[in-house]
Amino acid sequence: LYPVEVFAKIGNFDKLHLPHYASDYEFSCR
């Protein structure tokens, strides 16, 4: 569960560099 303000501040998931695996871990680190 993500508060919407997270996306407002850091953007969306990185579909360019991580199209399938690891995008969730990267987003959480970010």
PDB file of all heavy atoms in Angstrom:
ATOM      1  N   LEU A   1       0.849  -1.194   0.000  1.00  0.00           N
ATOM      2  CA  LEU A   1       0.000   0.000   0.000  1.00  0.00           C
ATOM      3  C   LEU A   1       0.885   1.244   0.000  1.00  0.00           C
ATOM      4  O   LEU A   1       1.706   1.432   0.902  1.00  0.00           O
ATOM      5  CB  LEU A   1      -0.903   0.002   1.235  1.00  0.00           C
ATOM      6  CG  LEU A   1      -1.965   1.101   1.291  1.00  0.00           C
ATOM      7  CD1 LEU A   1      -3.117   0.777   0.344  1.00  0.00           C
ATOM      8  CD2 LEU A   1      -2.488   1.271   2.723  1.00  0.00           C
ATOM      9  N   TYR A   2       0.684   2.100  -1.015  1.00  0.00           N
ATOM     10  CA  TYR A   2       1.472   3.319  -1.157  1.00  0.00           C
ATOM     11  C   TYR A   2       0.561   4.541  -1.033  1.00  0.00           C
ATOM     12  O   TYR A   2      -0.409   4.669  -1.793  1.00  0.00           O
ATOM     13  CB  TYR A   2       2.135   3.384  -2.530  1.00  0.00           C
ATOM     14  CG  TYR A   2       3.018   2.226  -2.888  1.00  0.00           C
ATOM     15  CD1 TYR A   2       2.495   1.111  -3.559  1.00  0.00           C
ATOM     16  CD2 TYR A   2       4.382   2.228  -2.591  1.00  0.00           C
ATOM     17  CE1 TYR A   2       3.304   0.043  -3.919  1.00  0.00           C
ATOM     18  CE2 TYR A   2       5.200   1.158  -2.946  1.00  0.00           C
ATOM     19  CZ  TYR A   2       4.648   0.068  -3.600  1.00  0.00           C
ATOM     20  OH  TYR A   2       5.445  -0.992  -3.962  1.00  0.00           O
ATOM     21  N   PRO A   3       0.853   5.474  -0.145  1.00  0.00           N
ATOM     22  CA  PRO A   3       0.148   6.761  -0.180  1.00  0.00           C
ATOM     23  C   PRO A   3       0.425   7.458  -1.512  1.00  0.00           C
ATOM     24  O   PRO A   3       1.544   7.365  -2.051  1.00  0.00           O
ATOM     25  CB  PRO A   3       0.778   7.531   0.993  1.00  0.00           C
ATOM     26  CG  PRO A   3       1.340   6.472   1.898  1.00  0.00           C
ATOM     27  CD  PRO A   3       1.808   5.387   0.989  1.00  0.00           C
ATOM     28  N   VAL A   4      -0.559   8.137  -2.070  1.00  0.00           N
ATOM     29  CA  VAL A   4      -0.380   8.731  -3.400  1.00  0.00           C
ATOM     30  C   VAL A   4       0.728   9.780  -3.423  1.00  0.00           C
ATOM     31  O   VAL A   4       1.332  10.015  -4.475  1.00  0.00           O
ATOM     32  CB  VAL A   4      -1.698   9.348  -3.922  1.00  0.00           C
ATOM     33  CG1 VAL A   4      -2.715   8.271  -4.225  1.00  0.00           C
ATOM     34  CG2 VAL A   4      -2.246  10.389  -2.941  1.00  0.00           C
ATOM     35  N   GLU A   5       1.024  10.386  -2.273  1.00  0.00           N
ATOM     36  CA  GLU A   5       2.061  11.415  -2.257  1.00  0.00           C
ATOM     37  C   GLU A   5       3.459  10.840  -2.537  1.00  0.00           C
ATOM     38  O   GLU A   5       4.378  11.580  -2.904  1.00  0.00           O
ATOM     39  CB  GLU A   5       2.067  12.174  -0.926  1.00  0.00           C
ATOM     40  CG  GLU A   5       2.289  11.324   0.315  1.00  0.00           C
ATOM     41  CD  GLU A   5       0.986  10.885   0.981  1.00  0.00           C
ATOM     42  OE1 GLU A   5      -0.031  10.772   0.254  1.00  0.00           O
ATOM     43  OE2 GLU A   5       1.000  10.680   2.193  1.00  0.00           O
ATOM     44  N   VAL A   6       3.617   9.533  -2.384  1.00  0.00           N
ATOM     45  CA  VAL A   6       4.895   8.902  -2.727  1.00  0.00           C
ATOM     46  C   VAL A   6       5.181   9.099  -4.219  1.00  0.00           C
ATOM     47  O   VAL A   6       6.283   9.500  -4.612  1.00  0.00           O
ATOM     48  CB  VAL A   6       4.878   7.400  -2.380  1.00  0.00           C
ATOM     49  CG1 VAL A   6       6.177   6.735  -2.840  1.00  0.00           C
ATOM     50  CG2 VAL A   6       4.666   7.186  -0.890  1.00  0.00           C
ATOM     51  N   PHE A   7       4.186   8.834  -5.047  1.00  0.00           N
ATOM     52  CA  PHE A   7       4.352   8.964  -6.496  1.00  0.00           C
ATOM     53  C   PHE A   7       4.523  10.428  -6.908  1.00  0.00           C
ATOM     54  O   PHE A   7       5.256  10.737  -7.850  1.00  0.00           O
ATOM     55  CB  PHE A   7       3.169   8.340  -7.222  1.00  0.00           C
ATOM     56  CG  PHE A   7       3.023   6.871  -6.956  1.00  0.00           C
ATOM     57  CD1 PHE A   7       2.192   6.415  -5.933  1.00  0.00           C
ATOM     58  CD2 PHE A   7       3.746   5.938  -7.691  1.00  0.00           C
ATOM     59  CE1 PHE A   7       2.060   5.060  -5.667  1.00  0.00           C
ATOM     60  CE2 PHE A   7       3.625   4.586  -7.430  1.00  0.00           C
ATOM     61  CZ  PHE A   7       2.791   4.140  -6.414  1.00  0.00           C
ATOM     62  N   ALA A   8       3.846  11.316  -6.192  1.00  0.00           N
ATOM     63  CA  ALA A   8       3.968  12.742  -6.500  1.00  0.00           C
ATOM     64  C   ALA A   8       5.400  13.222  -6.268  1.00  0.00           C
ATOM     65  O   ALA A   8       5.896  14.096  -6.992  1.00  0.00           O
ATOM     66  CB  ALA A   8       2.998  13.556  -5.643  1.00  0.00           C
ATOM     67  N   LYS A   9       6.065  12.617  -5.294  1.00  0.00           N
ATOM     68  CA  LYS A   9       7.412  13.071  -4.948  1.00  0.00           C
ATOM     69  C   LYS A   9       8.504  12.365  -5.738  1.00  0.00           C
ATOM     70  O   LYS A   9       9.477  13.005  -6.164  1.00  0.00           O
ATOM     71  CB  LYS A   9       7.665  12.867  -3.449  1.00  0.00           C
ATOM     72  CG  LYS A   9       8.990  13.442  -2.973  1.00  0.00           C
ATOM     73  CD  LYS A   9       9.096  13.452  -1.461  1.00  0.00           C
ATOM     74  CE  LYS A   9      10.403  14.112  -1.016  1.00  0.00           C
ATOM     75  NZ  LYS A   9      10.513  14.159   0.466  1.00  0.00           N
ATOM     76  N   ILE A  10       8.376  11.045  -5.973  1.00  0.00           N
ATOM     77  CA  ILE A  10       9.491  10.306  -6.584  1.00  0.00           C
ATOM     78  C   ILE A  10       9.187   9.749  -7.967  1.00  0.00           C
ATOM     79  O   ILE A  10      10.052   9.166  -8.613  1.00  0.00           O
ATOM     80  CB  ILE A  10       9.967   9.166  -5.662  1.00  0.00           C
ATOM     81  CG1 ILE A  10       8.938   8.021  -5.613  1.00  0.00           C
ATOM     82  CG2 ILE A  10      10.293   9.674  -4.271  1.00  0.00           C
ATOM     83  CD1 ILE A  10       9.459   6.781  -4.923  1.00  0.00           C
ATOM     84  N   GLY A  11       7.965   9.916  -8.450  1.00  0.00           N
ATOM     85  CA  GLY A  11       7.602   9.413  -9.761  1.00  0.00           C
ATOM     86  C   GLY A  11       7.061   7.993  -9.718  1.00  0.00           C
ATOM     87  O   GLY A  11       6.763   7.457  -8.649  1.00  0.00           O
ATOM     88  N   ASN A  12       6.960   7.379 -10.884  1.00  0.00           N
ATOM     89  CA  ASN A  12       6.336   6.069 -11.049  1.00  0.00           C
ATOM     90  C   ASN A  12       7.411   4.974 -11.054  1.00  0.00           C
ATOM     91  O   ASN A  12       8.603   5.243 -10.896  1.00  0.00           O
ATOM     92  CB  ASN A  12       5.539   6.063 -12.355  1.00  0.00           C
ATOM     93  CG  ASN A  12       4.394   5.078 -12.361  1.00  0.00           C
ATOM     94  OD1 ASN A  12       4.431   4.046 -11.712  1.00  0.00           O
ATOM     95  ND2 ASN A  12       3.342   5.400 -13.107  1.00  0.00           N
ATOM     96  N   PHE A  13       6.990   3.736 -11.238  1.00  0.00           N
ATOM     97  CA  PHE A  13       7.928   2.625 -11.356  1.00  0.00           C
ATOM     98  C   PHE A  13       8.758   2.771 -12.633  1.00  0.00           C
ATOM     99  O   PHE A  13       8.287   3.306 -13.636  1.00  0.00           O
ATOM    100  CB  PHE A  13       7.170   1.297 -11.358  1.00  0.00           C
ATOM    101  CG  PHE A  13       6.548   0.959 -10.035  1.00  0.00           C
ATOM    102  CD1 PHE A  13       5.259   1.362  -9.731  1.00  0.00           C
ATOM    103  CD2 PHE A  13       7.266   0.256  -9.077  1.00  0.00           C
ATOM    104  CE1 PHE A  13       4.683   1.072  -8.500  1.00  0.00           C
ATOM    105  CE2 PHE A  13       6.702  -0.047  -7.846  1.00  0.00           C
ATOM    106  CZ  PHE A  13       5.413   0.363  -7.549  1.00  0.00           C
ATOM    107  N   ASP A  14       9.994   2.260 -12.587  1.00  0.00           N
ATOM    108  CA  ASP A  14      10.933   2.453 -13.689  1.00  0.00           C
ATOM    109  C   ASP A  14      10.774   1.348 -14.731  1.00  0.00           C
ATOM    110  O   ASP A  14      11.487   0.339 -14.712  1.00  0.00           O
ATOM    111  CB  ASP A  14      12.363   2.464 -13.138  1.00  0.00           C
ATOM    112  CG  ASP A  14      13.380   2.920 -14.175  1.00  0.00           C
ATOM    113  OD1 ASP A  14      13.049   2.908 -15.378  1.00  0.00           O
ATOM    114  OD2 ASP A  14      14.507   3.279 -13.777  1.00  0.00           O
ATOM    115  N   LYS A  15       9.855   1.554 -15.664  1.00  0.00           N
ATOM    116  CA  LYS A  15       9.591   0.551 -16.694  1.00  0.00           C
ATOM    117  C   LYS A  15      10.676   0.509 -17.763  1.00  0.00           C
ATOM    118  O   LYS A  15      10.811  -0.477 -18.486  1.00  0.00           O
ATOM    119  CB  LYS A  15       8.232   0.813 -17.351  1.00  0.00           C
ATOM    120  CG  LYS A  15       8.161   2.124 -18.126  1.00  0.00           C
ATOM    121  CD  LYS A  15       6.823   2.279 -18.831  1.00  0.00           C
ATOM    122  CE  LYS A  15       6.770   3.578 -19.620  1.00  0.00           C
ATOM    123  NZ  LYS A  15       5.520   3.702 -20.387  1.00  0.00           N
ATOM    124  N   LEU A  16      11.477   1.573 -17.873  1.00  0.00           N
ATOM    125  CA  LEU A  16      12.520   1.634 -18.891  1.00  0.00           C
ATOM    126  C   LEU A  16      13.702   0.734 -18.535  1.00  0.00           C
ATOM    127  O   LEU A  16      14.137  -0.089 -19.348  1.00  0.00           O
ATOM    128  CB  LEU A  16      12.993   3.079 -19.065  1.00  0.00           C
ATOM    129  CG  LEU A  16      14.175   3.288 -20.023  1.00  0.00           C
ATOM    130  CD1 LEU A  16      13.781   2.876 -21.448  1.00  0.00           C
ATOM    131  CD2 LEU A  16      14.635   4.739 -19.994  1.00  0.00           C
ATOM    132  N   HIS A  17      14.224   0.886 -17.331  1.00  0.00           N
ATOM    133  CA  HIS A  17      15.418   0.144 -16.945  1.00  0.00           C
ATOM    134  C   HIS A  17      15.113  -1.220 -16.325  1.00  0.00           C
ATOM    135  O   HIS A  17      15.944  -2.134 -16.399  1.00  0.00           O
ATOM    136  CB  HIS A  17      16.248   0.976 -15.956  1.00  0.00           C
ATOM    137  CG  HIS A  17      16.738   2.256 -16.521  1.00  0.00           C
ATOM    138  ND1 HIS A  17      16.247   3.483 -16.124  1.00  0.00           N
ATOM    139  CD2 HIS A  17      17.669   2.512 -17.476  1.00  0.00           C
ATOM    140  CE1 HIS A  17      16.850   4.432 -16.795  1.00  0.00           C
ATOM    141  NE2 HIS A  17      17.723   3.881 -17.623  1.00  0.00           N
ATOM    142  N   LEU A  18      13.934  -1.344 -15.714  1.00  0.00           N
ATOM    143  CA  LEU A  18      13.584  -2.586 -15.003  1.00  0.00           C
ATOM    144  C   LEU A  18      12.187  -3.027 -15.424  1.00  0.00           C
ATOM    145  O   LEU A  18      11.219  -2.866 -14.691  1.00  0.00           O
ATOM    146  CB  LEU A  18      13.653  -2.353 -13.493  1.00  0.00           C
ATOM    147  CG  LEU A  18      15.045  -1.985 -12.963  1.00  0.00           C
ATOM    148  CD1 LEU A  18      14.952  -1.421 -11.545  1.00  0.00           C
ATOM    149  CD2 LEU A  18      15.980  -3.187 -12.993  1.00  0.00           C
ATOM    150  N   PRO A  19      12.059  -3.604 -16.619  1.00  0.00           N
ATOM    151  CA  PRO A  19      10.738  -3.903 -17.170  1.00  0.00           C
ATOM    152  C   PRO A  19       9.975  -5.021 -16.474  1.00  0.00           C
ATOM    153  O   PRO A  19       8.756  -5.087 -16.596  1.00  0.00           O
ATOM    154  CB  PRO A  19      11.043  -4.290 -18.629  1.00  0.00           C
ATOM    155  CG  PRO A  19      12.458  -4.743 -18.607  1.00  0.00           C
ATOM    156  CD  PRO A  19      13.142  -3.911 -17.576  1.00  0.00           C
ATOM    157  N   HIS A  20      10.665  -5.864 -15.715  1.00  0.00           N
ATOM    158  CA  HIS A  20       9.954  -6.989 -15.083  1.00  0.00           C
ATOM    159  C   HIS A  20      10.393  -7.199 -13.626  1.00  0.00           C
ATOM    160  O   HIS A  20       9.655  -6.893 -12.709  1.00  0.00           O
ATOM    161  CB  HIS A  20      10.163  -8.263 -15.898  1.00  0.00           C
ATOM    162  CG  HIS A  20       9.202  -9.358 -15.572  1.00  0.00           C
ATOM    163  ND1 HIS A  20       7.831  -9.190 -15.587  1.00  0.00           N
ATOM    164  CD2 HIS A  20       9.400 -10.658 -15.220  1.00  0.00           C
ATOM    165  CE1 HIS A  20       7.230 -10.327 -15.254  1.00  0.00           C
ATOM    166  NE2 HIS A  20       8.168 -11.228 -15.020  1.00  0.00           N
ATOM    167  N   TYR A  21      11.582  -7.699 -13.421  1.00  0.00           N
ATOM    168  CA  TYR A  21      12.079  -7.943 -12.061  1.00  0.00           C
ATOM    169  C   TYR A  21      12.818  -6.731 -11.504  1.00  0.00           C
ATOM    170  O   TYR A  21      13.381  -5.929 -12.249  1.00  0.00           O
ATOM    171  CB  TYR A  21      13.009  -9.153 -12.036  1.00  0.00           C
ATOM    172  CG  TYR A  21      12.291 -10.481 -12.177  1.00  0.00           C
ATOM    173  CD1 TYR A  21      12.596 -11.339 -13.220  1.00  0.00           C
ATOM    174  CD2 TYR A  21      11.305 -10.870 -11.270  1.00  0.00           C
ATOM    175  CE1 TYR A  21      11.938 -12.557 -13.359  1.00  0.00           C
ATOM    176  CE2 TYR A  21      10.642 -12.076 -11.399  1.00  0.00           C
ATOM    177  CZ  TYR A  21      10.966 -12.921 -12.441  1.00  0.00           C
ATOM    178  OH  TYR A  21      10.309 -14.112 -12.578  1.00  0.00           O
ATOM    179  N   ALA A  22      12.795  -6.628 -10.165  1.00  0.00           N
ATOM    180  CA  ALA A  22      13.569  -5.652  -9.374  1.00  0.00           C
ATOM    181  C   ALA A  22      13.007  -4.236  -9.375  1.00  0.00           C
ATOM    182  O   ALA A  22      13.487  -3.390  -8.619  1.00  0.00           O
ATOM    183  CB  ALA A  22      15.036  -5.619  -9.803  1.00  0.00           C
ATOM    184  N   SER A  23      12.000  -3.943 -10.189  1.00  0.00           N
ATOM    185  CA  SER A  23      11.441  -2.587 -10.182  1.00  0.00           C
ATOM    186  C   SER A  23      10.779  -2.262  -8.855  1.00  0.00           C
ATOM    187  O   SER A  23      10.772  -1.108  -8.426  1.00  0.00           O
ATOM    188  CB  SER A  23      10.437  -2.419 -11.322  1.00  0.00           C
ATOM    189  OG  SER A  23       9.341  -3.307 -11.179  1.00  0.00           O
ATOM    190  N   ASP A  24      10.210  -3.282  -8.194  1.00  0.00           N
ATOM    191  CA  ASP A  24       9.574  -3.045  -6.901  1.00  0.00           C
ATOM    192  C   ASP A  24      10.608  -2.717  -5.833  1.00  0.00           C
ATOM    193  O   ASP A  24      10.436  -1.765  -5.052  1.00  0.00           O
ATOM    194  CB  ASP A  24       8.726  -4.250  -6.474  1.00  0.00           C
ATOM    195  CG  ASP A  24       9.422  -5.587  -6.659  1.00  0.00           C
ATOM    196  OD1 ASP A  24      10.619  -5.624  -7.029  1.00  0.00           O
ATOM    197  OD2 ASP A  24       8.766  -6.630  -6.425  1.00  0.00           O
ATOM    198  N   TYR A  25      11.717  -3.471  -5.810  1.00  0.00           N
ATOM    199  CA  TYR A  25      12.781  -3.180  -4.851  1.00  0.00           C
ATOM    200  C   TYR A  25      13.386  -1.801  -5.115  1.00  0.00           C
ATOM    201  O   TYR A  25      13.653  -1.038  -4.183  1.00  0.00           O
ATOM    202  CB  TYR A  25      13.874  -4.249  -4.936  1.00  0.00           C
ATOM    203  CG  TYR A  25      13.575  -5.534  -4.173  1.00  0.00           C
ATOM    204  CD1 TYR A  25      12.291  -5.823  -3.724  1.00  0.00           C
ATOM    205  CD2 TYR A  25      14.571  -6.454  -3.910  1.00  0.00           C
ATOM    206  CE1 TYR A  25      12.013  -6.994  -3.033  1.00  0.00           C
ATOM    207  CE2 TYR A  25      14.313  -7.633  -3.209  1.00  0.00           C
ATOM    208  CZ  TYR A  25      13.035  -7.901  -2.780  1.00  0.00           C
ATOM    209  OH  TYR A  25      12.773  -9.052  -2.091  1.00  0.00           O
ATOM    210  N   GLU A  26      13.612  -1.488  -6.397  1.00  0.00           N
ATOM    211  CA  GLU A  26      14.185  -0.185  -6.724  1.00  0.00           C
ATOM    212  C   GLU A  26      13.268   0.950  -6.293  1.00  0.00           C
ATOM    213  O   GLU A  26      13.716   1.954  -5.739  1.00  0.00           O
ATOM    214  CB  GLU A  26      14.439  -0.100  -8.237  1.00  0.00           C
ATOM    215  CG  GLU A  26      15.152   1.165  -8.693  1.00  0.00           C
ATOM    216  CD  GLU A  26      14.236   2.377  -8.862  1.00  0.00           C
ATOM    217  OE1 GLU A  26      13.067   2.181  -9.269  1.00  0.00           O
ATOM    218  OE2 GLU A  26      14.674   3.515  -8.592  1.00  0.00           O
ATOM    219  N   PHE A  27      11.954   0.785  -6.522  1.00  0.00           N
ATOM    220  CA  PHE A  27      11.005   1.837  -6.146  1.00  0.00           C
ATOM    221  C   PHE A  27      11.010   2.047  -4.637  1.00  0.00           C
ATOM    222  O   PHE A  27      10.989   3.191  -4.160  1.00  0.00           O
ATOM    223  CB  PHE A  27       9.600   1.471  -6.627  1.00  0.00           C
ATOM    224  CG  PHE A  27       8.594   2.567  -6.428  1.00  0.00           C
ATOM    225  CD1 PHE A  27       8.452   3.577  -7.366  1.00  0.00           C
ATOM    226  CD2 PHE A  27       7.791   2.602  -5.291  1.00  0.00           C
ATOM    227  CE1 PHE A  27       7.525   4.603  -7.182  1.00  0.00           C
ATOM    228  CE2 PHE A  27       6.870   3.617  -5.096  1.00  0.00           C
ATOM    229  CZ  PHE A  27       6.732   4.625  -6.044  1.00  0.00           C
ATOM    230  N   SER A  28      11.043   0.959  -3.883  1.00  0.00           N
ATOM    231  CA  SER A  28      11.050   1.069  -2.426  1.00  0.00           C
ATOM    232  C   SER A  28      12.330   1.740  -1.924  1.00  0.00           C
ATOM    233  O   SER A  28      12.288   2.560  -1.002  1.00  0.00           O
ATOM    234  CB  SER A  28      10.909  -0.315  -1.788  1.00  0.00           C
ATOM    235  OG  SER A  28       9.671  -0.898  -2.116  1.00  0.00           O
ATOM    236  N   CYS A  29      13.466   1.393  -2.520  1.00  0.00           N
ATOM    237  CA  CYS A  29      14.723   2.044  -2.152  1.00  0.00           C
ATOM    238  C   CYS A  29      14.651   3.540  -2.434  1.00  0.00           C
ATOM    239  O   CYS A  29      15.105   4.374  -1.635  1.00  0.00           O
ATOM    240  CB  CYS A  29      15.880   1.422  -2.924  1.00  0.00           C
ATOM    241  SG  CYS A  29      16.303  -0.270  -2.460  1.00  0.00           S
ATOM    242  N   ARG A  30      14.082   3.878  -3.581  1.00  0.00           N
ATOM    243  CA  ARG A  30      13.937   5.284  -3.970  1.00  0.00           C
ATOM    244  C   ARG A  30      13.031   6.027  -2.985  1.00  0.00           C
ATOM    245  O   ARG A  30      13.303   7.163  -2.584  1.00  0.00           O
ATOM    246  CB  ARG A  30      13.354   5.367  -5.381  1.00  0.00           C
ATOM    247  CG  ARG A  30      13.591   6.673  -6.076  1.00  0.00           C
ATOM    248  CD  ARG A  30      12.983   6.798  -7.448  1.00  0.00           C
ATOM    249  NE  ARG A  30      12.621   5.597  -8.131  1.00  0.00           N
ATOM    250  CZ  ARG A  30      11.592   5.508  -8.966  1.00  0.00           C
ATOM    251  NH1 ARG A  30      10.826   6.564  -9.185  1.00  0.00           N
ATOM    252  NH2 ARG A  30      11.315   4.372  -9.588  1.00  0.00           N
TER     253      ARG A  30
END
